[in-house]
């Protein structure tokens, strides 16, 4: 399964979409929107997506869909899923 991060600019495009989703979820506009964008631009991509990924995992969405939607690698998805208790690692 190819991740969208292997495409040109796929990760950056997904990052902008996730930031926009954070703004929409908070209901911010004007100056608040600008300050939220400035605050979120320094976060790592996996951490930006974590809240939405957890929500989608708990809703029962398919792994492939989540990976494509948020442009995560399978390893990043697996780390988030293990941390919330969705997967059990075979060994550490």
PDB file of N, CA and C in Angstrom:
ATOM      1  N   UNK A   1       0.840  -1.168   0.000  1.00  0.00           N
ATOM      2  CA  UNK A   1       0.000   0.000   0.000  1.00  0.00           C
ATOM      3  C   UNK A   1       0.891   1.238   0.000  1.00  0.00           C
ATOM      4  N   UNK A   2       0.686   2.114  -0.964  1.00  0.00           N
ATOM      5  CA  UNK A   2       1.481   3.327  -1.049  1.00  0.00           C
ATOM      6  C   UNK A   2       0.815   4.431  -0.249  1.00  0.00           C
ATOM      7  N   UNK A   3       1.616   5.113   0.505  1.00  0.00           N
ATOM      8  CA  UNK A   3       1.134   6.252   1.262  1.00  0.00           C
ATOM      9  C   UNK A   3       1.201   7.489   0.378  1.00  0.00           C
ATOM     10  N   UNK A   4       0.350   8.440   0.646  1.00  0.00           N
ATOM     11  CA  UNK A   4       0.361   9.644  -0.169  1.00  0.00           C
ATOM     12  C   UNK A   4       1.630  10.463   0.066  1.00  0.00           C
ATOM     13  N   UNK A   5       2.394  10.138   1.116  1.00  0.00           N
ATOM     14  CA  UNK A   5       3.641  10.868   1.357  1.00  0.00           C
ATOM     15  C   UNK A   5       4.674  10.540   0.285  1.00  0.00           C
ATOM     16  N   UNK A   6       4.440   9.471  -0.480  1.00  0.00           N
ATOM     17  CA  UNK A   6       5.365   9.121  -1.545  1.00  0.00           C
ATOM     18  C   UNK A   6       5.111   9.954  -2.793  1.00  0.00           C
ATOM     19  N   UNK A   7       3.989  10.668  -2.836  1.00  0.00           N
ATOM     20  CA  UNK A   7       3.693  11.554  -3.947  1.00  0.00           C
ATOM     21  C   UNK A   7       4.324  12.910  -3.663  1.00  0.00           C
ATOM     22  N   UNK A   8       4.480  13.702  -4.692  1.00  0.00           N
ATOM     23  CA  UNK A   8       5.065  15.033  -4.520  1.00  0.00           C
ATOM     24  C   UNK A   8       4.116  15.943  -3.754  1.00  0.00           C
ATOM     25  N   UNK A   9       4.575  16.427  -2.622  1.00  0.00           N
ATOM     26  CA  UNK A   9       3.777  17.369  -1.842  1.00  0.00           C
ATOM     27  C   UNK A   9       2.571  16.780  -1.155  1.00  0.00           C
ATOM     28  N   UNK A  10       2.417  15.479  -1.131  1.00  0.00           N
ATOM     29  CA  UNK A  10       1.244  14.853  -0.527  1.00  0.00           C
ATOM     30  C   UNK A  10       1.156  15.086   0.961  1.00  0.00           C
ATOM     31  N   UNK A  11       2.266  15.005   1.628  1.00  0.00           N
ATOM     32  CA  UNK A  11       2.285  15.182   3.080  1.00  0.00           C
ATOM     33  C   UNK A  11       1.959  16.635   3.449  1.00  0.00           C
ATOM     34  N   UNK A  12       2.513  17.580   2.691  1.00  0.00           N
ATOM     35  CA  UNK A  12       2.241  18.990   2.959  1.00  0.00           C
ATOM     36  C   UNK A  12       0.777  19.327   2.723  1.00  0.00           C
ATOM     37  N   UNK A  13       0.218  18.759   1.664  1.00  0.00           N
ATOM     38  CA  UNK A  13      -1.193  18.986   1.358  1.00  0.00           C
ATOM     39  C   UNK A  13      -2.080  18.403   2.463  1.00  0.00           C
ATOM     40  N   UNK A  14      -1.764  17.216   2.920  1.00  0.00           N
ATOM     41  CA  UNK A  14      -2.533  16.588   4.001  1.00  0.00           C
ATOM     42  C   UNK A  14      -2.388  17.386   5.292  1.00  0.00           C
ATOM     43  N   UNK A  15      -1.217  17.925   5.524  1.00  0.00           N
ATOM     44  CA  UNK A  15      -0.961  18.732   6.720  1.00  0.00           C
ATOM     45  C   UNK A  15      -1.855  19.976   6.726  1.00  0.00           C
ATOM     46  N   UNK A  16      -1.964  20.629   5.574  1.00  0.00           N
ATOM     47  CA  UNK A  16      -2.822  21.815   5.476  1.00  0.00           C
ATOM     48  C   UNK A  16      -4.292  21.457   5.698  1.00  0.00           C
ATOM     49  N   UNK A  17      -4.701  20.301   5.198  1.00  0.00           N
ATOM     50  CA  UNK A  17      -6.084  19.861   5.396  1.00  0.00           C
ATOM     51  C   UNK A  17      -6.373  19.583   6.871  1.00  0.00           C
ATOM     52  N   UNK A  18      -5.397  18.991   7.558  1.00  0.00           N
ATOM     53  CA  UNK A  18      -5.583  18.682   8.981  1.00  0.00           C
ATOM     54  C   UNK A  18      -5.648  19.980   9.787  1.00  0.00           C
ATOM     55  N   UNK A  19      -4.799  20.936   9.473  1.00  0.00           N
ATOM     56  CA  UNK A  19      -4.847  22.226  10.169  1.00  0.00           C
ATOM     57  C   UNK A  19      -6.201  22.891   9.928  1.00  0.00           C
ATOM     58  N   UNK A  20      -6.696  22.804   8.697  1.00  0.00           N
ATOM     59  CA  UNK A  20      -8.013  23.373   8.386  1.00  0.00           C
ATOM     60  C   UNK A  20      -9.115  22.670   9.174  1.00  0.00           C
ATOM     61  N   UNK A  21      -8.983  21.350   9.357  1.00  0.00           N
ATOM     62  CA  UNK A  21      -9.970  20.616  10.151  1.00  0.00           C
ATOM     63  C   UNK A  21      -9.944  21.059  11.606  1.00  0.00           C
ATOM     64  N   UNK A  22      -8.741  21.343  12.152  1.00  0.00           N
ATOM     65  CA  UNK A  22      -8.641  21.846  13.516  1.00  0.00           C
ATOM     66  C   UNK A  22      -9.349  23.186  13.642  1.00  0.00           C
ATOM     67  N   UNK A  23      -9.181  24.040  12.642  1.00  0.00           N
ATOM     68  CA  UNK A  23      -9.822  25.359  12.673  1.00  0.00           C
ATOM     69  C   UNK A  23     -11.337  25.212  12.592  1.00  0.00           C
ATOM     70  N   UNK A  24     -11.820  24.336  11.723  1.00  0.00           N
ATOM     71  CA  UNK A  24     -13.254  24.113  11.600  1.00  0.00           C
ATOM     72  C   UNK A  24     -13.841  23.523  12.878  1.00  0.00           C
ATOM     73  N   UNK A  25     -13.120  22.594  13.501  1.00  0.00           N
ATOM     74  CA  UNK A  25     -13.601  21.975  14.746  1.00  0.00           C
ATOM     75  C   UNK A  25     -13.694  22.999  15.876  1.00  0.00           C
ATOM     76  N   UNK A  26     -12.769  23.951  15.901  1.00  0.00           N
ATOM     77  CA  UNK A  26     -12.774  24.944  16.970  1.00  0.00           C
ATOM     78  C   UNK A  26     -13.743  26.084  16.701  1.00  0.00           C
ATOM     79  N   UNK A  27     -14.153  26.246  15.433  1.00  0.00           N
ATOM     80  CA  UNK A  27     -15.082  27.315  15.090  1.00  0.00           C
ATOM     81  C   UNK A  27     -14.438  28.683  15.092  1.00  0.00           C
ATOM     82  N   UNK A  28     -13.144  28.727  14.871  1.00  0.00           N
ATOM     83  CA  UNK A  28     -12.405  29.991  14.908  1.00  0.00           C
ATOM     84  C   UNK A  28     -12.561  30.749  13.592  1.00  0.00           C
ATOM     85  N   UNK A  29     -12.435  32.073  13.702  1.00  0.00           N
ATOM     86  CA  UNK A  29     -12.437  32.904  12.497  1.00  0.00           C
ATOM     87  C   UNK A  29     -11.593  34.153  12.754  1.00  0.00           C
ATOM     88  N   UNK A  30     -11.141  34.776  11.677  1.00  0.00           N
ATOM     89  CA  UNK A  30     -10.381  36.016  11.785  1.00  0.00           C
ATOM     90  C   UNK A  30      -9.033  35.834  12.461  1.00  0.00           C
ATOM     91  N   UNK A  31      -8.815  36.614  13.520  1.00  0.00           N
ATOM     92  CA  UNK A  31      -7.535  36.592  14.235  1.00  0.00           C
ATOM     93  C   UNK A  31      -7.294  35.254  14.928  1.00  0.00           C
ATOM     94  N   UNK A  32      -8.357  34.639  15.413  1.00  0.00           N
ATOM     95  CA  UNK A  32      -8.218  33.341  16.081  1.00  0.00           C
ATOM     96  C   UNK A  32      -7.719  32.288  15.086  1.00  0.00           C
ATOM     97  N   UNK A  33      -8.236  32.345  13.872  1.00  0.00           N
ATOM     98  CA  UNK A  33      -7.813  31.387  12.848  1.00  0.00           C
ATOM     99  C   UNK A  33      -6.327  31.540  12.557  1.00  0.00           C
ATOM    100  N   UNK A  34      -5.858  32.776  12.451  1.00  0.00           N
ATOM    101  CA  UNK A  34      -4.441  33.030  12.194  1.00  0.00           C
ATOM    102  C   UNK A  34      -3.577  32.535  13.346  1.00  0.00           C
ATOM    103  N   UNK A  35      -4.011  32.779  14.564  1.00  0.00           N
ATOM    104  CA  UNK A  35      -3.216  32.341  15.714  1.00  0.00           C
ATOM    105  C   UNK A  35      -3.188  30.819  15.828  1.00  0.00           C
ATOM    106  N   UNK A  36      -4.294  30.148  15.495  1.00  0.00           N
ATOM    107  CA  UNK A  36      -4.318  28.682  15.517  1.00  0.00           C
ATOM    108  C   UNK A  36      -3.374  28.131  14.457  1.00  0.00           C
ATOM    109  N   UNK A  37      -3.396  28.718  13.256  1.00  0.00           N
ATOM    110  CA  UNK A  37      -2.470  28.278  12.196  1.00  0.00           C
ATOM    111  C   UNK A  37      -1.017  28.433  12.638  1.00  0.00           C
ATOM    112  N   UNK A  38      -0.686  29.563  13.257  1.00  0.00           N
ATOM    113  CA  UNK A  38       0.682  29.791  13.720  1.00  0.00           C
ATOM    114  C   UNK A  38       1.071  28.825  14.828  1.00  0.00           C
ATOM    115  N   UNK A  39       0.119  28.495  15.679  1.00  0.00           N
ATOM    116  CA  UNK A  39       0.381  27.563  16.768  1.00  0.00           C
ATOM    117  C   UNK A  39       0.618  26.149  16.243  1.00  0.00           C
ATOM    118  N   UNK A  40      -0.187  25.712  15.268  1.00  0.00           N
ATOM    119  CA  UNK A  40      -0.126  24.330  14.796  1.00  0.00           C
ATOM    120  C   UNK A  40       0.971  24.069  13.776  1.00  0.00           C
ATOM    121  N   UNK A  41       1.527  25.098  13.170  1.00  0.00           N
ATOM    122  CA  UNK A  41       2.507  24.877  12.107  1.00  0.00           C
ATOM    123  C   UNK A  41       3.796  24.215  12.600  1.00  0.00           C
ATOM    124  N   UNK A  42       4.095  24.319  13.893  1.00  0.00           N
ATOM    125  CA  UNK A  42       5.332  23.752  14.428  1.00  0.00           C
ATOM    126  C   UNK A  42       5.175  22.324  14.931  1.00  0.00           C
ATOM    127  N   UNK A  43       3.942  21.817  14.999  1.00  0.00           N
ATOM    128  CA  UNK A  43       3.716  20.460  15.497  1.00  0.00           C
ATOM    129  C   UNK A  43       4.123  19.425  14.445  1.00  0.00           C
ATOM    130  N   UNK A  44       4.629  18.270  14.894  1.00  0.00           N
ATOM    131  CA  UNK A  44       4.901  17.181  13.945  1.00  0.00           C
ATOM    132  C   UNK A  44       3.592  16.684  13.330  1.00  0.00           C
ATOM    133  N   UNK A  45       3.690  16.169  12.125  1.00  0.00           N
ATOM    134  CA  UNK A  45       2.496  15.752  11.387  1.00  0.00           C
ATOM    135  C   UNK A  45       1.707  14.678  12.124  1.00  0.00           C
ATOM    136  N   UNK A  46       2.387  13.709  12.678  1.00  0.00           N
ATOM    137  CA  UNK A  46       1.699  12.621  13.379  1.00  0.00           C
ATOM    138  C   UNK A  46       0.905  13.155  14.574  1.00  0.00           C
ATOM    139  N   UNK A  47       1.472  14.109  15.279  1.00  0.00           N
ATOM    140  CA  UNK A  47       0.788  14.662  16.447  1.00  0.00           C
ATOM    141  C   UNK A  47      -0.398  15.530  16.042  1.00  0.00           C
ATOM    142  N   UNK A  48      -0.295  16.199  14.914  1.00  0.00           N
ATOM    143  CA  UNK A  48      -1.415  16.993  14.407  1.00  0.00           C
ATOM    144  C   UNK A  48      -2.609  16.100  14.090  1.00  0.00           C
ATOM    145  N   UNK A  49      -2.334  14.946  13.529  1.00  0.00           N
ATOM    146  CA  UNK A  49      -3.389  14.033  13.071  1.00  0.00           C
ATOM    147  C   UNK A  49      -3.928  13.134  14.169  1.00  0.00           C
ATOM    148  N   UNK A  50      -3.217  13.019  15.269  1.00  0.00           N
ATOM    149  CA  UNK A  50      -3.531  12.022  16.291  1.00  0.00           C
ATOM    150  C   UNK A  50      -5.003  12.046  16.735  1.00  0.00           C
ATOM    151  N   UNK A  51      -5.539  13.192  17.053  1.00  0.00           N
ATOM    152  CA  UNK A  51      -6.922  13.274  17.539  1.00  0.00           C
ATOM    153  C   UNK A  51      -7.930  12.766  16.531  1.00  0.00           C
ATOM    154  N   UNK A  52      -7.731  13.128  15.266  1.00  0.00           N
ATOM    155  CA  UNK A  52      -8.644  12.690  14.220  1.00  0.00           C
ATOM    156  C   UNK A  52      -8.471  11.203  13.918  1.00  0.00           C
ATOM    157  N   UNK A  53      -7.236  10.721  13.980  1.00  0.00           N
ATOM    158  CA  UNK A  53      -6.972   9.300  13.735  1.00  0.00           C
ATOM    159  C   UNK A  53      -7.622   8.448  14.825  1.00  0.00           C
ATOM    160  N   UNK A  54      -7.481   8.870  16.069  1.00  0.00           N
ATOM    161  CA  UNK A  54      -8.086   8.129  17.185  1.00  0.00           C
ATOM    162  C   UNK A  54      -9.601   8.080  17.013  1.00  0.00           C
ATOM    163  N   UNK A  55     -10.192   9.192  16.657  1.00  0.00           N
ATOM    164  CA  UNK A  55     -11.639   9.232  16.461  1.00  0.00           C
ATOM    165  C   UNK A  55     -12.070   8.294  15.332  1.00  0.00           C
ATOM    166  N   UNK A  56     -11.298   8.299  14.242  1.00  0.00           N
ATOM    167  CA  UNK A  56     -11.649   7.429  13.112  1.00  0.00           C
ATOM    168  C   UNK A  56     -11.444   5.956  13.432  1.00  0.00           C
ATOM    169  N   UNK A  57     -10.413   5.625  14.202  1.00  0.00           N
ATOM    170  CA  UNK A  57     -10.193   4.232  14.607  1.00  0.00           C
ATOM    171  C   UNK A  57     -11.364   3.757  15.457  1.00  0.00           C
ATOM    172  N   UNK A  58     -11.780   4.585  16.386  1.00  0.00           N
ATOM    173  CA  UNK A  58     -12.889   4.201  17.270  1.00  0.00           C
ATOM    174  C   UNK A  58     -14.217   4.127  16.533  1.00  0.00           C
ATOM    175  N   UNK A  59     -14.344   4.853  15.434  1.00  0.00           N
ATOM    176  CA  UNK A  59     -15.548   4.763  14.610  1.00  0.00           C
ATOM    177  C   UNK A  59     -15.541   3.524  13.728  1.00  0.00           C
ATOM    178  N   UNK A  60     -14.374   2.874  13.624  1.00  0.00           N
ATOM    179  CA  UNK A  60     -14.297   1.636  12.857  1.00  0.00           C
ATOM    180  C   UNK A  60     -13.898   1.813  11.407  1.00  0.00           C
ATOM    181  N   UNK A  61     -13.304   2.947  11.056  1.00  0.00           N
ATOM    182  CA  UNK A  61     -12.861   3.148   9.678  1.00  0.00           C
ATOM    183  C   UNK A  61     -11.692   2.230   9.355  1.00  0.00           C
ATOM    184  N   UNK A  62     -11.571   1.876   8.103  1.00  0.00           N
ATOM    185  CA  UNK A  62     -10.523   0.982   7.626  1.00  0.00           C
ATOM    186  C   UNK A  62      -9.145   1.635   7.746  1.00  0.00           C
ATOM    187  N   UNK A  63      -8.152   0.828   8.055  1.00  0.00           N
ATOM    188  CA  UNK A  63      -6.779   1.308   8.204  1.00  0.00           C
ATOM    189  C   UNK A  63      -6.288   2.021   6.952  1.00  0.00           C
ATOM    190  N   UNK A  64      -6.538   1.442   5.799  1.00  0.00           N
ATOM    191  CA  UNK A  64      -6.085   2.043   4.549  1.00  0.00           C
ATOM    192  C   UNK A  64      -6.688   3.408   4.299  1.00  0.00           C
ATOM    193  N   UNK A  65      -7.949   3.554   4.642  1.00  0.00           N
ATOM    194  CA  UNK A  65      -8.614   4.838   4.479  1.00  0.00           C
ATOM    195  C   UNK A  65      -8.009   5.891   5.395  1.00  0.00           C
ATOM    196  N   UNK A  66      -7.745   5.526   6.628  1.00  0.00           N
ATOM    197  CA  UNK A  66      -7.158   6.463   7.586  1.00  0.00           C
ATOM    198  C   UNK A  66      -5.752   6.860   7.142  1.00  0.00           C
ATOM    199  N   UNK A  67      -4.961   5.883   6.700  1.00  0.00           N
ATOM    200  CA  UNK A  67      -3.592   6.162   6.253  1.00  0.00           C
ATOM    201  C   UNK A  67      -3.606   7.124   5.071  1.00  0.00           C
ATOM    202  N   UNK A  68      -4.502   6.909   4.125  1.00  0.00           N
ATOM    203  CA  UNK A  68      -4.587   7.787   2.954  1.00  0.00           C
ATOM    204  C   UNK A  68      -5.128   9.165   3.311  1.00  0.00           C
ATOM    205  N   UNK A  69      -6.137   9.195   4.158  1.00  0.00           N
ATOM    206  CA  UNK A  69      -6.771  10.468   4.512  1.00  0.00           C
ATOM    207  C   UNK A  69      -5.800  11.413   5.201  1.00  0.00           C
ATOM    208  N   UNK A  70      -4.986  10.886   6.110  1.00  0.00           N
ATOM    209  CA  UNK A  70      -4.080  11.735   6.891  1.00  0.00           C
ATOM    210  C   UNK A  70      -2.640  11.644   6.429  1.00  0.00           C
ATOM    211  N   UNK A  71      -2.400  10.890   5.378  1.00  0.00           N
ATOM    212  CA  UNK A  71      -1.070  10.756   4.787  1.00  0.00           C
ATOM    213  C   UNK A  71      -0.044  10.294   5.832  1.00  0.00           C
ATOM    214  N   UNK A  72      -0.385   9.235   6.527  1.00  0.00           N
ATOM    215  CA  UNK A  72       0.508   8.645   7.520  1.00  0.00           C
ATOM    216  C   UNK A  72       1.199   7.429   6.919  1.00  0.00           C
ATOM    217  N   UNK A  73       2.328   7.077   7.482  1.00  0.00           N
ATOM    218  CA  UNK A  73       2.932   5.801   7.117  1.00  0.00           C
ATOM    219  C   UNK A  73       2.250   4.727   7.960  1.00  0.00           C
ATOM    220  N   UNK A  74       2.387   3.486   7.546  1.00  0.00           N
ATOM    221  CA  UNK A  74       1.782   2.401   8.327  1.00  0.00           C
ATOM    222  C   UNK A  74       2.375   2.333   9.728  1.00  0.00           C
ATOM    223  N   UNK A  75       3.656   2.648   9.838  1.00  0.00           N
ATOM    224  CA  UNK A  75       4.316   2.626  11.142  1.00  0.00           C
ATOM    225  C   UNK A  75       3.725   3.695  12.061  1.00  0.00           C
ATOM    226  N   UNK A  76       3.465   4.904  11.547  1.00  0.00           N
ATOM    227  CA  UNK A  76       2.862   5.962  12.355  1.00  0.00           C
ATOM    228  C   UNK A  76       1.449   5.570  12.786  1.00  0.00           C
ATOM    229  N   UNK A  77       0.694   5.005  11.858  1.00  0.00           N
ATOM    230  CA  UNK A  77      -0.656   4.543  12.199  1.00  0.00           C
ATOM    231  C   UNK A  77      -0.599   3.493  13.292  1.00  0.00           C
ATOM    232  N   UNK A  78       0.308   2.545  13.133  1.00  0.00           N
ATOM    233  CA  UNK A  78       0.430   1.456  14.104  1.00  0.00           C
ATOM    234  C   UNK A  78       0.826   1.989  15.481  1.00  0.00           C
ATOM    235  N   UNK A  79       1.719   2.970  15.529  1.00  0.00           N
ATOM    236  CA  UNK A  79       2.121   3.557  16.813  1.00  0.00           C
ATOM    237  C   UNK A  79       0.930   4.193  17.524  1.00  0.00           C
ATOM    238  N   UNK A  80       0.137   4.950  16.791  1.00  0.00           N
ATOM    239  CA  UNK A  80      -1.042   5.580  17.390  1.00  0.00           C
ATOM    240  C   UNK A  80      -2.022   4.517  17.873  1.00  0.00           C
ATOM    241  N   UNK A  81      -2.255   3.492  17.063  1.00  0.00           N
ATOM    242  CA  UNK A  81      -3.203   2.443  17.426  1.00  0.00           C
ATOM    243  C   UNK A  81      -2.745   1.669  18.661  1.00  0.00           C
ATOM    244  N   UNK A  82      -1.456   1.424  18.782  1.00  0.00           N
ATOM    245  CA  UNK A  82      -0.923   0.735  19.964  1.00  0.00           C
ATOM    246  C   UNK A  82      -1.081   1.615  21.195  1.00  0.00           C
ATOM    247  N   UNK A  83      -0.806   2.911  21.062  1.00  0.00           N
ATOM    248  CA  UNK A  83      -0.882   3.817  22.204  1.00  0.00           C
ATOM    249  C   UNK A  83      -2.296   3.974  22.746  1.00  0.00           C
ATOM    250  N   UNK A  84      -3.311   3.840  21.896  1.00  0.00           N
ATOM    251  CA  UNK A  84      -4.688   3.953  22.393  1.00  0.00           C
ATOM    252  C   UNK A  84      -5.280   2.605  22.767  1.00  0.00           C
ATOM    253  N   UNK A  85      -4.504   1.529  22.572  1.00  0.00           N
ATOM    254  CA  UNK A  85      -4.956   0.200  22.971  1.00  0.00           C
ATOM    255  C   UNK A  85      -5.752  -0.534  21.918  1.00  0.00           C
ATOM    256  N   UNK A  86      -5.738  -0.049  20.688  1.00  0.00           N
ATOM    257  CA  UNK A  86      -6.462  -0.718  19.614  1.00  0.00           C
ATOM    258  C   UNK A  86      -5.722  -1.959  19.123  1.00  0.00           C
ATOM    259  N   UNK A  87      -4.404  -1.875  19.052  1.00  0.00           N
ATOM    260  CA  UNK A  87      -3.545  -3.001  18.687  1.00  0.00           C
ATOM    261  C   UNK A  87      -2.735  -3.419  19.894  1.00  0.00           C
ATOM    262  N   UNK A  88      -2.382  -4.683  19.912  1.00  0.00           N
ATOM    263  CA  UNK A  88      -1.436  -5.164  20.910  1.00  0.00           C
ATOM    264  C   UNK A  88      -0.188  -5.590  20.171  1.00  0.00           C
ATOM    265  N   UNK A  89       0.930  -4.980  20.508  1.00  0.00           N
ATOM    266  CA  UNK A  89       2.160  -5.382  19.815  1.00  0.00           C
ATOM    267  C   UNK A  89       2.558  -6.784  20.221  1.00  0.00           C
ATOM    268  N   UNK A  90       3.163  -7.504  19.278  1.00  0.00           N
ATOM    269  CA  UNK A  90       3.621  -8.858  19.572  1.00  0.00           C
ATOM    270  C   UNK A  90       4.743  -8.810  20.597  1.00  0.00           C
ATOM    271  N   UNK A  91       5.665  -7.903  20.382  1.00  0.00           N
ATOM    272  CA  UNK A  91       6.751  -7.703  21.352  1.00  0.00           C
ATOM    273  C   UNK A  91       7.316  -6.314  21.160  1.00  0.00           C
ATOM    274  N   UNK A  92       7.955  -5.821  22.184  1.00  0.00           N
ATOM    275  CA  UNK A  92       8.606  -4.511  22.110  1.00  0.00           C
ATOM    276  C   UNK A  92      10.079  -4.665  21.950  1.00  0.00           C
TER     277      UNK A  92
END
